[in-house]
């Protein structure tokens, strides 16, 4: 079987939705959406209630021009909280959840007037069993750590100066030392920089990996089932996704390139057809589409199957929306100011490897 999607619904968001997550925000065992709206300085929450349906939209104010959002339990109460990167001021926003449909008003954090947070990631960087944040800023170009106090508040931690303007940051244990490493994507320099963590909020720069021109998004996963962390990177100049296969020590070897739609802007990965091989879902801003590439194993992927999204799609998230044990996809549409819900019907369709 191969992943196949039907567009089920579209829901209104705030102005110019930039990013979204999909998670159970109110502990009712149904997944919800949290969407950052760049032009009205808000996030929209849409609550799931029945087989891929959403209702009860709530709006919360955050900082100026939010562009990225994540969920995690920052205060150890087993209820999800939210962290938002604001691209047109000096802040990140933290919203603490109460496990029902309500979040506390946003608390803003900043560090030394660093400006324009573009992306953030969460992990326990200092191994104190409290979640921390790593935030990339563009003015100046750096990574700023915010150390969690375990109660939903944060204190400023170390910073890492970057040689180039960052685009995205993700975290993973690349060298199997049980310490979290940092992976920074730069569209400006067309590179991925690897910083190995020591488990005490300090990091050492290991390697800079050239990638295809104008990269826009990055994910980490084990694409070839060798128990090593791999990376996938989209290139907006080449209209490709590149998979870099990890060696288990923070370095990467073989690269595989696959064609996707025009100006890919975001990607996620999941096993869409339950063959124990990860597949790729790429959102293409330039032709209002979503590309699906099925993993074949042996470091190969199918050619793309494309689906029409709304206007100027900006991000995607995955999960089982309708409780049928199949991974579905939701996509934010920046210009349409909507989110599209694609249900995975797992029909048999023919794809070819190349």
C-alpha atoms as a PDB file:
ATOM      1  CA  UNK A   1       0.000   0.000   0.000  1.00  0.00           C
ATOM      2  CA  UNK A   2       1.082   3.559  -0.617  1.00  0.00           C
ATOM      3  CA  UNK A   3       0.013   6.713   1.151  1.00  0.00           C
ATOM      4  CA  UNK A   4      -2.833   8.482  -0.607  1.00  0.00           C
ATOM      5  CA  UNK A   5      -4.623  11.599   0.581  1.00  0.00           C
ATOM      6  CA  UNK A   6      -8.049  13.142   0.189  1.00  0.00           C
ATOM      7  CA  UNK A   7      -8.604  16.789   1.042  1.00  0.00           C
ATOM      8  CA  UNK A   8     -11.377  16.649   3.630  1.00  0.00           C
ATOM      9  CA  UNK A   9     -11.774  20.173   5.003  1.00  0.00           C
ATOM     10  CA  UNK A  10     -10.328  23.645   5.200  1.00  0.00           C
ATOM     11  CA  UNK A  11     -10.537  25.834   8.300  1.00  0.00           C
ATOM     12  CA  UNK A  12      -9.986  29.557   8.688  1.00  0.00           C
ATOM     13  CA  UNK A  13      -6.962  30.802  10.615  1.00  0.00           C
ATOM     14  CA  UNK A  14      -5.656  34.218  11.553  1.00  0.00           C
ATOM     15  CA  UNK A  15      -3.772  36.432   9.107  1.00  0.00           C
ATOM     16  CA  UNK A  16      -0.978  34.718   7.172  1.00  0.00           C
ATOM     17  CA  UNK A  17      -0.551  31.431   9.075  1.00  0.00           C
ATOM     18  CA  UNK A  18       3.148  30.641   9.162  1.00  0.00           C
ATOM     19  CA  UNK A  19       3.495  27.379  11.094  1.00  0.00           C
ATOM     20  CA  UNK A  20       1.468  24.791  12.982  1.00  0.00           C
ATOM     21  CA  UNK A  21       1.665  21.844  15.335  1.00  0.00           C
ATOM     22  CA  UNK A  22      -0.703  18.943  15.894  1.00  0.00           C
ATOM     23  CA  UNK A  23      -1.064  17.644  19.454  1.00  0.00           C
ATOM     24  CA  UNK A  24      -3.601  16.866  22.186  1.00  0.00           C
ATOM     25  CA  UNK A  25      -3.716  20.272  23.857  1.00  0.00           C
ATOM     26  CA  UNK A  26      -6.683  19.625  26.174  1.00  0.00           C
ATOM     27  CA  UNK A  27      -6.100  16.012  27.269  1.00  0.00           C
ATOM     28  CA  UNK A  28      -9.295  14.648  25.700  1.00  0.00           C
ATOM     29  CA  UNK A  29      -7.391  12.044  23.648  1.00  0.00           C
ATOM     30  CA  UNK A  30      -8.228  13.947  20.445  1.00  0.00           C
ATOM     31  CA  UNK A  31      -5.514  15.871  18.628  1.00  0.00           C
ATOM     32  CA  UNK A  32      -5.766  19.624  18.168  1.00  0.00           C
ATOM     33  CA  UNK A  33      -3.972  22.266  16.111  1.00  0.00           C
ATOM     34  CA  UNK A  34      -2.030  25.333  17.197  1.00  0.00           C
ATOM     35  CA  UNK A  35      -1.234  27.772  14.387  1.00  0.00           C
ATOM     36  CA  UNK A  36       1.011  30.841  14.430  1.00  0.00           C
ATOM     37  CA  UNK A  37      -0.450  33.813  12.521  1.00  0.00           C
ATOM     38  CA  UNK A  38       2.353  36.065  11.377  1.00  0.00           C
ATOM     39  CA  UNK A  39       0.503  39.258  10.447  1.00  0.00           C
ATOM     40  CA  UNK A  40      -1.869  39.624  13.394  1.00  0.00           C
ATOM     41  CA  UNK A  41       0.549  38.573  16.153  1.00  0.00           C
ATOM     42  CA  UNK A  42      -1.605  35.705  17.379  1.00  0.00           C
ATOM     43  CA  UNK A  43      -1.900  31.964  17.570  1.00  0.00           C
ATOM     44  CA  UNK A  44      -5.102  30.110  16.695  1.00  0.00           C
ATOM     45  CA  UNK A  45      -6.093  26.918  18.508  1.00  0.00           C
ATOM     46  CA  UNK A  46      -8.462  24.520  16.743  1.00  0.00           C
ATOM     47  CA  UNK A  47      -9.759  21.639  18.847  1.00  0.00           C
ATOM     48  CA  UNK A  48     -10.388  18.202  17.363  1.00  0.00           C
ATOM     49  CA  UNK A  49     -13.690  16.568  18.176  1.00  0.00           C
ATOM     50  CA  UNK A  50     -14.693  13.899  15.650  1.00  0.00           C
ATOM     51  CA  UNK A  51     -12.789  11.989  12.970  1.00  0.00           C
ATOM     52  CA  UNK A  52     -10.686  14.789  11.575  1.00  0.00           C
ATOM     53  CA  UNK A  53     -13.118  17.591  12.389  1.00  0.00           C
ATOM     54  CA  UNK A  54     -12.136  20.712  14.328  1.00  0.00           C
ATOM     55  CA  UNK A  55     -14.104  23.393  16.150  1.00  0.00           C
ATOM     56  CA  UNK A  56     -14.003  25.877  19.026  1.00  0.00           C
ATOM     57  CA  UNK A  57     -11.296  28.197  17.634  1.00  0.00           C
ATOM     58  CA  UNK A  58      -9.501  30.259  20.264  1.00  0.00           C
ATOM     59  CA  UNK A  59      -7.053  33.083  19.651  1.00  0.00           C
ATOM     60  CA  UNK A  60      -4.183  34.185  21.890  1.00  0.00           C
ATOM     61  CA  UNK A  61      -1.924  37.201  21.514  1.00  0.00           C
ATOM     62  CA  UNK A  62       1.818  36.588  21.293  1.00  0.00           C
ATOM     63  CA  UNK A  63       4.789  38.696  20.165  1.00  0.00           C
ATOM     64  CA  UNK A  64       5.219  40.471  16.850  1.00  0.00           C
ATOM     65  CA  UNK A  65       5.177  38.337  13.679  1.00  0.00           C
ATOM     66  CA  UNK A  66       5.169  34.782  15.101  1.00  0.00           C
ATOM     67  CA  UNK A  67       6.696  32.312  12.650  1.00  0.00           C
ATOM     68  CA  UNK A  68       7.273  29.088  14.590  1.00  0.00           C
ATOM     69  CA  UNK A  69       5.505  27.152  17.343  1.00  0.00           C
ATOM     70  CA  UNK A  70       6.187  23.995  19.355  1.00  0.00           C
ATOM     71  CA  UNK A  71       4.403  22.158  22.166  1.00  0.00           C
ATOM     72  CA  UNK A  72       5.915  20.474  25.213  1.00  0.00           C
ATOM     73  CA  UNK A  73       5.290  20.081  28.935  1.00  0.00           C
ATOM     74  CA  UNK A  74       7.482  22.836  30.372  1.00  0.00           C
ATOM     75  CA  UNK A  75       6.187  22.677  33.965  1.00  0.00           C
ATOM     76  CA  UNK A  76       5.949  18.904  34.442  1.00  0.00           C
ATOM     77  CA  UNK A  77       2.194  18.838  35.060  1.00  0.00           C
ATOM     78  CA  UNK A  78       1.503  16.376  32.226  1.00  0.00           C
ATOM     79  CA  UNK A  79      -0.300  19.116  30.261  1.00  0.00           C
ATOM     80  CA  UNK A  80       1.051  20.566  27.050  1.00  0.00           C
ATOM     81  CA  UNK A  81       2.366  24.116  26.872  1.00  0.00           C
ATOM     82  CA  UNK A  82       3.368  26.211  23.852  1.00  0.00           C
ATOM     83  CA  UNK A  83       6.494  28.122  22.825  1.00  0.00           C
ATOM     84  CA  UNK A  84       6.421  30.638  19.960  1.00  0.00           C
ATOM     85  CA  UNK A  85       9.239  32.349  18.035  1.00  0.00           C
ATOM     86  CA  UNK A  86       8.454  35.991  17.174  1.00  0.00           C
ATOM     87  CA  UNK A  87      10.332  37.270  14.130  1.00  0.00           C
ATOM     88  CA  UNK A  88       9.790  41.024  14.437  1.00  0.00           C
ATOM     89  CA  UNK A  89      10.680  41.786  18.043  1.00  0.00           C
ATOM     90  CA  UNK A  90      13.120  40.559  20.699  1.00  0.00           C
ATOM     91  CA  UNK A  91      10.897  37.923  22.300  1.00  0.00           C
ATOM     92  CA  UNK A  92       9.756  34.362  22.423  1.00  0.00           C
ATOM     93  CA  UNK A  93       6.324  33.651  23.911  1.00  0.00           C
ATOM     94  CA  UNK A  94       5.499  30.884  26.406  1.00  0.00           C
ATOM     95  CA  UNK A  95       1.868  29.866  26.978  1.00  0.00           C
ATOM     96  CA  UNK A  96       1.169  27.462  29.836  1.00  0.00           C
ATOM     97  CA  UNK A  97      -1.708  25.029  29.325  1.00  0.00           C
ATOM     98  CA  UNK A  98      -4.135  23.894  32.006  1.00  0.00           C
ATOM     99  CA  UNK A  99      -5.081  20.657  30.253  1.00  0.00           C
ATOM    100  CA  UNK A 100      -8.526  21.869  29.252  1.00  0.00           C
ATOM    101  CA  UNK A 101      -9.177  24.332  26.446  1.00  0.00           C
ATOM    102  CA  UNK A 102      -7.507  27.301  28.107  1.00  0.00           C
ATOM    103  CA  UNK A 103      -3.925  28.593  28.126  1.00  0.00           C
ATOM    104  CA  UNK A 104      -2.561  31.301  30.387  1.00  0.00           C
ATOM    105  CA  UNK A 105      -1.725  34.591  28.628  1.00  0.00           C
ATOM    106  CA  UNK A 106       1.677  34.554  26.969  1.00  0.00           C
ATOM    107  CA  UNK A 107       4.804  35.326  28.973  1.00  0.00           C
ATOM    108  CA  UNK A 108       7.548  36.921  26.882  1.00  0.00           C
ATOM    109  CA  UNK A 109      11.255  36.135  27.229  1.00  0.00           C
ATOM    110  CA  UNK A 110      14.158  37.937  25.602  1.00  0.00           C
ATOM    111  CA  UNK A 111      17.952  37.952  25.864  1.00  0.00           C
ATOM    112  CA  UNK A 112      20.148  41.031  25.452  1.00  0.00           C
ATOM    113  CA  UNK A 113      17.761  42.562  22.920  1.00  0.00           C
ATOM    114  CA  UNK A 114      18.589  39.876  20.354  1.00  0.00           C
ATOM    115  CA  UNK A 115      16.113  40.445  17.533  1.00  0.00           C
ATOM    116  CA  UNK A 116      14.032  38.243  15.255  1.00  0.00           C
ATOM    117  CA  UNK A 117      13.617  34.717  16.598  1.00  0.00           C
ATOM    118  CA  UNK A 118      13.117  32.474  13.570  1.00  0.00           C
ATOM    119  CA  UNK A 119      12.862  28.960  14.983  1.00  0.00           C
ATOM    120  CA  UNK A 120      13.202  27.080  18.246  1.00  0.00           C
ATOM    121  CA  UNK A 121      13.592  23.560  19.576  1.00  0.00           C
ATOM    122  CA  UNK A 122      13.201  21.973  22.988  1.00  0.00           C
ATOM    123  CA  UNK A 123      15.194  19.309  24.832  1.00  0.00           C
ATOM    124  CA  UNK A 124      16.946  18.810  28.158  1.00  0.00           C
ATOM    125  CA  UNK A 125      20.322  20.313  27.272  1.00  0.00           C
ATOM    126  CA  UNK A 126      21.856  20.233  30.771  1.00  0.00           C
ATOM    127  CA  UNK A 127      20.466  16.867  31.864  1.00  0.00           C
ATOM    128  CA  UNK A 128      18.542  18.200  34.870  1.00  0.00           C
ATOM    129  CA  UNK A 129      15.233  16.599  33.794  1.00  0.00           C
ATOM    130  CA  UNK A 130      13.785  20.006  32.895  1.00  0.00           C
ATOM    131  CA  UNK A 131      13.027  21.026  29.331  1.00  0.00           C
ATOM    132  CA  UNK A 132      15.089  23.860  27.875  1.00  0.00           C
ATOM    133  CA  UNK A 133      14.831  25.872  24.658  1.00  0.00           C
ATOM    134  CA  UNK A 134      17.304  26.593  21.862  1.00  0.00           C
ATOM    135  CA  UNK A 135      16.292  29.655  19.831  1.00  0.00           C
ATOM    136  CA  UNK A 136      17.904  30.972  16.655  1.00  0.00           C
ATOM    137  CA  UNK A 137      18.006  34.724  16.110  1.00  0.00           C
ATOM    138  CA  UNK A 138      18.939  36.601  12.958  1.00  0.00           C
ATOM    139  CA  UNK A 139      20.104  39.916  14.491  1.00  0.00           C
ATOM    140  CA  UNK A 140      22.752  38.996  15.455  1.00  0.00           C
ATOM    141  CA  UNK A 141      23.056  35.476  14.064  1.00  0.00           C
ATOM    142  CA  UNK A 142      23.229  33.171  17.064  1.00  0.00           C
ATOM    143  CA  UNK A 143      21.669  30.378  19.113  1.00  0.00           C
ATOM    144  CA  UNK A 144      20.383  31.439  22.518  1.00  0.00           C
ATOM    145  CA  UNK A 145      19.606  28.842  25.165  1.00  0.00           C
ATOM    146  CA  UNK A 146      16.798  29.388  27.650  1.00  0.00           C
ATOM    147  CA  UNK A 147      17.116  26.988  30.581  1.00  0.00           C
ATOM    148  CA  UNK A 148      13.918  25.611  32.038  1.00  0.00           C
ATOM    149  CA  UNK A 149      13.267  25.928  35.752  1.00  0.00           C
ATOM    150  CA  UNK A 150      10.794  23.044  35.662  1.00  0.00           C
ATOM    151  CA  UNK A 151       7.806  25.245  36.525  1.00  0.00           C
ATOM    152  CA  UNK A 152       7.148  26.791  33.117  1.00  0.00           C
ATOM    153  CA  UNK A 153       9.601  29.657  33.555  1.00  0.00           C
ATOM    154  CA  UNK A 154      13.007  30.047  31.932  1.00  0.00           C
ATOM    155  CA  UNK A 155      16.330  31.743  32.586  1.00  0.00           C
ATOM    156  CA  UNK A 156      18.844  32.901  30.012  1.00  0.00           C
ATOM    157  CA  UNK A 157      21.595  30.381  29.302  1.00  0.00           C
ATOM    158  CA  UNK A 158      24.598  30.180  27.017  1.00  0.00           C
ATOM    159  CA  UNK A 159      24.689  31.589  23.514  1.00  0.00           C
ATOM    160  CA  UNK A 160      26.461  30.258  20.439  1.00  0.00           C
ATOM    161  CA  UNK A 161      27.557  32.764  17.815  1.00  0.00           C
ATOM    162  CA  UNK A 162      26.895  31.634  14.249  1.00  0.00           C
ATOM    163  CA  UNK A 163      28.984  32.338  11.174  1.00  0.00           C
ATOM    164  CA  UNK A 164      25.976  32.763   8.930  1.00  0.00           C
ATOM    165  CA  UNK A 165      22.311  33.767   9.030  1.00  0.00           C
ATOM    166  CA  UNK A 166      20.296  30.805  10.392  1.00  0.00           C
ATOM    167  CA  UNK A 167      17.016  29.502   8.978  1.00  0.00           C
ATOM    168  CA  UNK A 168      15.991  26.585  11.194  1.00  0.00           C
ATOM    169  CA  UNK A 169      17.178  24.580  14.186  1.00  0.00           C
ATOM    170  CA  UNK A 170      16.431  20.994  15.199  1.00  0.00           C
ATOM    171  CA  UNK A 171      17.856  18.745  17.913  1.00  0.00           C
ATOM    172  CA  UNK A 172      18.871  15.080  18.035  1.00  0.00           C
ATOM    173  CA  UNK A 173      21.458  12.780  19.580  1.00  0.00           C
ATOM    174  CA  UNK A 174      23.657  12.323  16.531  1.00  0.00           C
ATOM    175  CA  UNK A 175      26.571  10.441  18.097  1.00  0.00           C
ATOM    176  CA  UNK A 176      24.744   8.198  20.582  1.00  0.00           C
ATOM    177  CA  UNK A 177      26.281   9.664  23.730  1.00  0.00           C
ATOM    178  CA  UNK A 178      22.855  10.393  25.263  1.00  0.00           C
ATOM    179  CA  UNK A 179      23.523  14.123  24.982  1.00  0.00           C
ATOM    180  CA  UNK A 180      21.504  16.430  22.784  1.00  0.00           C
ATOM    181  CA  UNK A 181      23.168  17.928  19.707  1.00  0.00           C
ATOM    182  CA  UNK A 182      22.130  20.948  17.638  1.00  0.00           C
ATOM    183  CA  UNK A 183      21.567  21.023  13.871  1.00  0.00           C
ATOM    184  CA  UNK A 184      21.341  24.477  12.282  1.00  0.00           C
ATOM    185  CA  UNK A 185      20.194  25.094   8.719  1.00  0.00           C
ATOM    186  CA  UNK A 186      21.295  28.233   6.862  1.00  0.00           C
ATOM    187  CA  UNK A 187      19.543  29.333   3.689  1.00  0.00           C
ATOM    188  CA  UNK A 188      22.056  32.159   3.278  1.00  0.00           C
ATOM    189  CA  UNK A 189      25.121  29.888   3.142  1.00  0.00           C
ATOM    190  CA  UNK A 190      23.368  26.728   1.868  1.00  0.00           C
ATOM    191  CA  UNK A 191      24.723  24.641   4.714  1.00  0.00           C
ATOM    192  CA  UNK A 192      23.917  22.496   7.731  1.00  0.00           C
ATOM    193  CA  UNK A 193      26.066  23.053  10.824  1.00  0.00           C
ATOM    194  CA  UNK A 194      26.415  20.331  13.462  1.00  0.00           C
ATOM    195  CA  UNK A 195      27.095  21.223  17.102  1.00  0.00           C
ATOM    196  CA  UNK A 196      27.783  18.306  19.440  1.00  0.00           C
ATOM    197  CA  UNK A 197      26.453  18.706  22.972  1.00  0.00           C
ATOM    198  CA  UNK A 198      28.357  17.963  26.170  1.00  0.00           C
ATOM    199  CA  UNK A 199      25.260  17.677  28.356  1.00  0.00           C
ATOM    200  CA  UNK A 200      26.056  20.873  30.264  1.00  0.00           C
ATOM    201  CA  UNK A 201      24.678  23.538  27.837  1.00  0.00           C
ATOM    202  CA  UNK A 202      27.993  23.801  26.015  1.00  0.00           C
ATOM    203  CA  UNK A 203      28.477  22.644  22.436  1.00  0.00           C
ATOM    204  CA  UNK A 204      31.349  22.203  20.003  1.00  0.00           C
ATOM    205  CA  UNK A 205      31.049  22.824  16.291  1.00  0.00           C
ATOM    206  CA  UNK A 206      31.835  19.559  14.554  1.00  0.00           C
ATOM    207  CA  UNK A 207      31.238  20.085  10.857  1.00  0.00           C
ATOM    208  CA  UNK A 208      29.554  22.261   8.240  1.00  0.00           C
ATOM    209  CA  UNK A 209      27.826  20.286   5.486  1.00  0.00           C
ATOM    210  CA  UNK A 210      27.144  21.950   2.113  1.00  0.00           C
ATOM    211  CA  UNK A 211      23.640  21.291   0.785  1.00  0.00           C
ATOM    212  CA  UNK A 212      21.689  22.328  -2.309  1.00  0.00           C
ATOM    213  CA  UNK A 213      21.235  26.054  -2.813  1.00  0.00           C
ATOM    214  CA  UNK A 214      18.726  28.024  -0.715  1.00  0.00           C
ATOM    215  CA  UNK A 215      17.649  25.333   1.760  1.00  0.00           C
ATOM    216  CA  UNK A 216      14.407  26.106   3.578  1.00  0.00           C
ATOM    217  CA  UNK A 217      13.542  23.280   5.987  1.00  0.00           C
ATOM    218  CA  UNK A 218      15.111  20.295   7.736  1.00  0.00           C
ATOM    219  CA  UNK A 219      13.982  17.186   9.626  1.00  0.00           C
ATOM    220  CA  UNK A 220      15.860  14.358  11.335  1.00  0.00           C
ATOM    221  CA  UNK A 221      14.845  10.695  11.275  1.00  0.00           C
ATOM    222  CA  UNK A 222      16.213   7.226  10.546  1.00  0.00           C
ATOM    223  CA  UNK A 223      15.304   6.829   6.883  1.00  0.00           C
ATOM    224  CA  UNK A 224      17.266   3.640   6.161  1.00  0.00           C
ATOM    225  CA  UNK A 225      16.588   1.731   9.406  1.00  0.00           C
ATOM    226  CA  UNK A 226      20.250   1.501  10.416  1.00  0.00           C
ATOM    227  CA  UNK A 227      19.668   3.066  13.847  1.00  0.00           C
ATOM    228  CA  UNK A 228      21.543   6.228  12.844  1.00  0.00           C
ATOM    229  CA  UNK A 229      20.050   9.706  12.638  1.00  0.00           C
ATOM    230  CA  UNK A 230      19.658  10.971   9.067  1.00  0.00           C
ATOM    231  CA  UNK A 231      18.608  14.392   7.773  1.00  0.00           C
ATOM    232  CA  UNK A 232      16.298  15.591   5.003  1.00  0.00           C
ATOM    233  CA  UNK A 233      16.624  19.136   3.631  1.00  0.00           C
ATOM    234  CA  UNK A 234      14.495  20.991   1.085  1.00  0.00           C
ATOM    235  CA  UNK A 235      16.078  23.288  -1.515  1.00  0.00           C
ATOM    236  CA  UNK A 236      13.949  26.149  -2.834  1.00  0.00           C
ATOM    237  CA  UNK A 237      16.389  26.932  -5.642  1.00  0.00           C
ATOM    238  CA  UNK A 238      16.673  23.368  -6.955  1.00  0.00           C
ATOM    239  CA  UNK A 239      13.112  22.240  -6.105  1.00  0.00           C
ATOM    240  CA  UNK A 240      14.497  19.148  -4.424  1.00  0.00           C
ATOM    241  CA  UNK A 241      14.638  17.324  -1.134  1.00  0.00           C
ATOM    242  CA  UNK A 242      18.042  15.941  -0.159  1.00  0.00           C
ATOM    243  CA  UNK A 243      18.466  13.051   2.269  1.00  0.00           C
ATOM    244  CA  UNK A 244      21.787  12.901   4.132  1.00  0.00           C
ATOM    245  CA  UNK A 245      22.540   9.562   5.750  1.00  0.00           C
ATOM    246  CA  UNK A 246      24.175   9.631   9.174  1.00  0.00           C
ATOM    247  CA  UNK A 247      27.332   7.779  10.146  1.00  0.00           C
ATOM    248  CA  UNK A 248      26.457   7.709  13.839  1.00  0.00           C
ATOM    249  CA  UNK A 249      29.163  10.154  14.914  1.00  0.00           C
ATOM    250  CA  UNK A 250      27.663  13.472  13.825  1.00  0.00           C
ATOM    251  CA  UNK A 251      28.934  13.235  10.264  1.00  0.00           C
ATOM    252  CA  UNK A 252      26.969  12.311   7.144  1.00  0.00           C
ATOM    253  CA  UNK A 253      27.909  10.501   3.949  1.00  0.00           C
ATOM    254  CA  UNK A 254      25.670   9.538   1.054  1.00  0.00           C
ATOM    255  CA  UNK A 255      23.197  12.111  -0.250  1.00  0.00           C
ATOM    256  CA  UNK A 256      20.067  11.270  -2.253  1.00  0.00           C
ATOM    257  CA  UNK A 257      18.245  14.020  -4.158  1.00  0.00           C
ATOM    258  CA  UNK A 258      14.595  13.852  -5.208  1.00  0.00           C
ATOM    259  CA  UNK A 259      12.558  16.335  -7.228  1.00  0.00           C
ATOM    260  CA  UNK A 260       9.561  17.938  -5.533  1.00  0.00           C
ATOM    261  CA  UNK A 261       7.292  20.874  -6.366  1.00  0.00           C
ATOM    262  CA  UNK A 262       8.235  24.504  -6.896  1.00  0.00           C
ATOM    263  CA  UNK A 263       9.829  26.343  -3.989  1.00  0.00           C
ATOM    264  CA  UNK A 264       9.542  23.704  -1.248  1.00  0.00           C
ATOM    265  CA  UNK A 265       9.177  25.487   2.083  1.00  0.00           C
ATOM    266  CA  UNK A 266       8.505  22.776   4.687  1.00  0.00           C
ATOM    267  CA  UNK A 267       8.675  19.028   5.193  1.00  0.00           C
ATOM    268  CA  UNK A 268       7.650  16.325   7.645  1.00  0.00           C
ATOM    269  CA  UNK A 269       8.200  12.590   7.729  1.00  0.00           C
ATOM    270  CA  UNK A 270       6.058   9.609   8.732  1.00  0.00           C
ATOM    271  CA  UNK A 271       5.378   5.996   7.789  1.00  0.00           C
ATOM    272  CA  UNK A 272       2.277   6.577   5.692  1.00  0.00           C
ATOM    273  CA  UNK A 273       1.736   3.035   4.445  1.00  0.00           C
ATOM    274  CA  UNK A 274       2.889   1.006   7.470  1.00  0.00           C
ATOM    275  CA  UNK A 275       5.771  -0.722   5.733  1.00  0.00           C
ATOM    276  CA  UNK A 276       8.232   0.303   8.470  1.00  0.00           C
ATOM    277  CA  UNK A 277       9.905   2.724   6.068  1.00  0.00           C
ATOM    278  CA  UNK A 278       9.643   6.464   6.535  1.00  0.00           C
ATOM    279  CA  UNK A 279       8.073   8.562   3.803  1.00  0.00           C
ATOM    280  CA  UNK A 280       8.422  12.293   3.086  1.00  0.00           C
ATOM    281  CA  UNK A 281       5.762  14.988   2.819  1.00  0.00           C
ATOM    282  CA  UNK A 282       6.974  18.278   1.321  1.00  0.00           C
ATOM    283  CA  UNK A 283       4.988  21.513   1.126  1.00  0.00           C
ATOM    284  CA  UNK A 284       5.667  23.561  -2.021  1.00  0.00           C
ATOM    285  CA  UNK A 285       4.983  27.278  -1.760  1.00  0.00           C
ATOM    286  CA  UNK A 286       5.650  28.064  -5.419  1.00  0.00           C
ATOM    287  CA  UNK A 287       2.947  25.866  -6.987  1.00  0.00           C
ATOM    288  CA  UNK A 288       0.455  25.454  -4.117  1.00  0.00           C
ATOM    289  CA  UNK A 289       1.090  21.756  -3.683  1.00  0.00           C
ATOM    290  CA  UNK A 290       2.130  18.969  -1.357  1.00  0.00           C
ATOM    291  CA  UNK A 291       4.565  16.301  -2.587  1.00  0.00           C
ATOM    292  CA  UNK A 292       4.537  12.795  -1.121  1.00  0.00           C
ATOM    293  CA  UNK A 293       7.579  10.554  -1.621  1.00  0.00           C
ATOM    294  CA  UNK A 294       7.350   6.983  -0.383  1.00  0.00           C
ATOM    295  CA  UNK A 295      10.358   5.349   1.246  1.00  0.00           C
ATOM    296  CA  UNK A 296      11.462   2.152  -0.467  1.00  0.00           C
ATOM    297  CA  UNK A 297      14.362   1.175   1.777  1.00  0.00           C
ATOM    298  CA  UNK A 298      17.930   0.777   0.498  1.00  0.00           C
ATOM    299  CA  UNK A 299      18.136   4.578   0.616  1.00  0.00           C
ATOM    300  CA  UNK A 300      15.675   5.088  -2.226  1.00  0.00           C
ATOM    301  CA  UNK A 301      12.378   6.952  -2.517  1.00  0.00           C
ATOM    302  CA  UNK A 302       9.523   7.047  -4.995  1.00  0.00           C
ATOM    303  CA  UNK A 303       9.002   9.920  -7.355  1.00  0.00           C
ATOM    304  CA  UNK A 304       6.639  12.520  -5.991  1.00  0.00           C
ATOM    305  CA  UNK A 305       2.857  12.302  -5.975  1.00  0.00           C
ATOM    306  CA  UNK A 306       1.414  15.815  -5.752  1.00  0.00           C
ATOM    307  CA  UNK A 307      -1.730  17.155  -4.096  1.00  0.00           C
ATOM    308  CA  UNK A 308      -3.226  20.629  -4.358  1.00  0.00           C
ATOM    309  CA  UNK A 309      -3.160  22.768  -1.225  1.00  0.00           C
ATOM    310  CA  UNK A 310      -4.486  26.253  -0.568  1.00  0.00           C
ATOM    311  CA  UNK A 311      -2.658  29.350  -1.766  1.00  0.00           C
ATOM    312  CA  UNK A 312       0.980  29.703  -0.690  1.00  0.00           C
ATOM    313  CA  UNK A 313       1.250  26.785   1.733  1.00  0.00           C
ATOM    314  CA  UNK A 314       3.692  27.438   4.556  1.00  0.00           C
ATOM    315  CA  UNK A 315       3.936  24.421   6.879  1.00  0.00           C
ATOM    316  CA  UNK A 316       2.680  20.903   7.581  1.00  0.00           C
ATOM    317  CA  UNK A 317       2.034  18.688  10.584  1.00  0.00           C
ATOM    318  CA  UNK A 318       1.164  15.005  10.849  1.00  0.00           C
ATOM    319  CA  UNK A 319      -0.915  12.713  13.014  1.00  0.00           C
ATOM    320  CA  UNK A 320      -3.882  10.364  13.003  1.00  0.00           C
ATOM    321  CA  UNK A 321      -6.737  12.850  12.763  1.00  0.00           C
ATOM    322  CA  UNK A 322      -9.654  10.425  12.492  1.00  0.00           C
ATOM    323  CA  UNK A 323      -8.477   7.491  14.643  1.00  0.00           C
ATOM    324  CA  UNK A 324      -8.145   5.008  11.790  1.00  0.00           C
ATOM    325  CA  UNK A 325      -4.488   4.226  12.571  1.00  0.00           C
ATOM    326  CA  UNK A 326      -3.291   6.034   9.447  1.00  0.00           C
ATOM    327  CA  UNK A 327      -1.130   9.150   9.453  1.00  0.00           C
ATOM    328  CA  UNK A 328      -2.890  12.228   8.084  1.00  0.00           C
ATOM    329  CA  UNK A 329      -1.517  15.666   7.190  1.00  0.00           C
ATOM    330  CA  UNK A 330      -2.585  19.232   7.927  1.00  0.00           C
ATOM    331  CA  UNK A 331      -1.161  22.159   5.932  1.00  0.00           C
ATOM    332  CA  UNK A 332      -1.263  25.887   6.648  1.00  0.00           C
ATOM    333  CA  UNK A 333      -1.927  28.160   3.661  1.00  0.00           C
ATOM    334  CA  UNK A 334      -0.318  31.570   4.105  1.00  0.00           C
ATOM    335  CA  UNK A 335      -2.223  33.490   1.432  1.00  0.00           C
ATOM    336  CA  UNK A 336      -5.561  31.661   1.738  1.00  0.00           C
ATOM    337  CA  UNK A 337      -5.416  32.087   5.537  1.00  0.00           C
ATOM    338  CA  UNK A 338      -6.642  28.532   5.982  1.00  0.00           C
ATOM    339  CA  UNK A 339      -5.474  25.141   7.139  1.00  0.00           C
ATOM    340  CA  UNK A 340      -6.128  22.141   4.870  1.00  0.00           C
ATOM    341  CA  UNK A 341      -6.895  18.695   6.312  1.00  0.00           C
ATOM    342  CA  UNK A 342      -5.709  15.742   4.199  1.00  0.00           C
ATOM    343  CA  UNK A 343      -6.898  12.296   5.282  1.00  0.00           C
ATOM    344  CA  UNK A 344      -4.784   9.260   4.453  1.00  0.00           C
ATOM    345  CA  UNK A 345      -6.947   6.685   2.673  1.00  0.00           C
ATOM    346  CA  UNK A 346      -4.092   4.219   1.997  1.00  0.00           C
ATOM    347  CA  UNK A 347      -5.251   3.326  -1.488  1.00  0.00           C
ATOM    348  CA  UNK A 348      -3.015   1.306  -3.769  1.00  0.00           C
ATOM    349  CA  UNK A 349      -1.341   3.616  -6.262  1.00  0.00           C
ATOM    350  CA  UNK A 350       1.624   2.931  -8.481  1.00  0.00           C
ATOM    351  CA  UNK A 351       4.865   4.815  -7.921  1.00  0.00           C
ATOM    352  CA  UNK A 352       8.253   4.373  -9.491  1.00  0.00           C
ATOM    353  CA  UNK A 353      11.680   4.522  -7.907  1.00  0.00           C
ATOM    354  CA  UNK A 354      14.504   6.555  -9.347  1.00  0.00           C
END
